[in-house]
């Protein structure tokens, strides 16, 4: 009998070791997946630096970071939507619409009643554009929360609505020369996209401020906890009293406003606005979020990863341009990167599930007494209490 117990004890110890080793291996792999965006960014920097002497110069890095900032603003708004398990395909069209609104406003509003043309100041133009973006987000939120339209379909529809509105307002034409006129007191718009603060473009400062605000929102507020909970299990979160519909509405509004801000920066930098601006920008934003480690199913992701994902997309695009790679190949490579990012995300989720299972096995075997494991004759041969005590001795 003692030989049997010794064998069972050795078997349990071996199970514990195997389960613990498997859990450690899966944790290591999971750490690799968590750092995949940083690894990808480091590889891109090393490769492009070796292939081009101008890639890692200070001026080029600042220029590339400015380009990254435009996509990062979109990606941060997209992150909030994806965290709650949704998607926003209308952000690219909102970029074009906000630029058109800025162009129309800077051309002046003709007030037929007074027979005058009113030129609003730049800050009014910016507020108007952000309001338009927030309005698009509000319509998305109403479709998703009130009318129960699937987020993909609702935002796909708004993609065409916003693009159509931009074409109707502009008549399909481009607004040139948005620098303004001193006589009309509407100058200064070009500073948003071309100005600098402490040597860095304004767009980079906007990205940093927005990232800091959203970071605090997600980490230190009840809204952030509600958002993660909603993405993890919407029904259970709603049963706990969380205003799930309000959370959904707010994230779509923020996403629309972020897209409008990107549109303002682009129109300001180019000092012109076209209704086609922002075409396919929604794909870049989604790619940045996914590369940054967010789950498309919701409930997982953070600002840090999204920023790194935006840098990966931006540095990849600019690096290919510096090397003279064809735009066709650029599109192909960008699509391949998105596919790889999704595959890695799915692999990470599988490893996390296996890691959780291995950890549970390790805990269960650690808590299980060796004599109670299957294979001992203690339960089967115990006909009386005396027999049980003899076996235990």
Foldseek 3Di string as FASTA:
>chain_A
DVVLLVVLVVVLVVLLVVLVVLLVVLVVVLVCLLCQLVVLLVVLVVVLVVVDVPCPDPVNVLVLLLVLLLLLLLLLLQLLLLQLLAGAPQLLLLLQLLLLQLLVLQVFDQDVVVRDTARDALVVSLVVLLVSLLVLLLQLLCCCQVVVDGRVVSNVVSNVVSLVVSCVSVVQDKRAQSQHDVVNNHHDLLQQQPNDDPRHRNSSVVSVVVQVVVQCVLPPDPLNVLSLVSLVPVVVSVVVPDPSSVSNSVSSSSSSSSSSSSSSNVCSNRVMHGSNGSVPSSVLSVQLFLQLQRDSSHNDGGSVSSSSSSSSLSSLLVSCVVVVHDPVVNVVVSVVSSVVSNVSNVVSVVSVVVSVVSVVSSVVSVPDDSCPDPPHCLVVPPPDPVVNVVVVD
